[in-house]
Amino acid sequence: MLIDDYVAGLNRALEGPGGPKRDLVVEARDSLVDTAEAYEEAGLGRLEAERLAVEEFGELREIAPGYQRELTATAGRRLAALLFVSVPLTTLLWSLIWAFFPVNADDWANRPEWFLPVARALDLFHLATGVLGGLTLLALTWGARWLRRPERATRLLAVWVWAMLPVTLLFSAALQYGSQGPTGFSGFLPGMLLSLTTPLLNGLQLYCAARCLRLTRRPRPA
């Protein structure tokens, strides 16, 4: 049937988060079916009713770009929300960890002079990432009506995430291996749990950022 073919073409033309994409396609199908049923009630045959419904809905090359922009903005909102919550929260938890470990403050006596500046710089960098995530989230939600190119904000945030990775790794490696810090961290359960959670969150951030880069790089569907 014409509606089935149209919806299948729309589904192939779009790329983005699975749930929102499915919702958009289902919404489009429901609208087409309702329009076709209205034409049928007016006395038209099913095939003619579907043809008119599809014609009224618009050609795929005209409809698909708008749907794709919404999916791209949705992916950007997800990444922004993830950064806004996870990055400051992880930084806060690590600050709490180092407030209680080590128990003996003398264990830090041999740390180099650059340790505290680097640690603070890393915290500020994470704070900036959380703020950028929050601002992007606001821009893609409340400010969406004034944002003419939401894909630009989405791409900017994704590029920032990938730029953040080497800086974070470099600073973290310097703090971990370039200083003579306290021993016994492997037996400190809260620290070990956070050590396992942080890479998982980083991996999720990179995955979402990679998807945003892919969506903003692909040509508009025809």
Foldseek 3Di string as FASTA:
>chain_A
DLLVVQLVVLLVQADADDPLSVVVSVVLSVQLVVQLVVVVVVPDDSVVSSVVSVVVVHDSLVPNLVSNQLRLLVLLLVLLVLLLPPLLVLLVLVVVVVVPPPVDPCQQVFWDPCLVVLNVVLNVLSVVLNVLSVVLNCCSPVVVVVDPRNLVSSLVNLVSLVVVVVSNVVSVCCNPPVTRGHPDQVVVVSSVVSVVVVVVSSVVSNVSSVSSNVSSPDDRGD
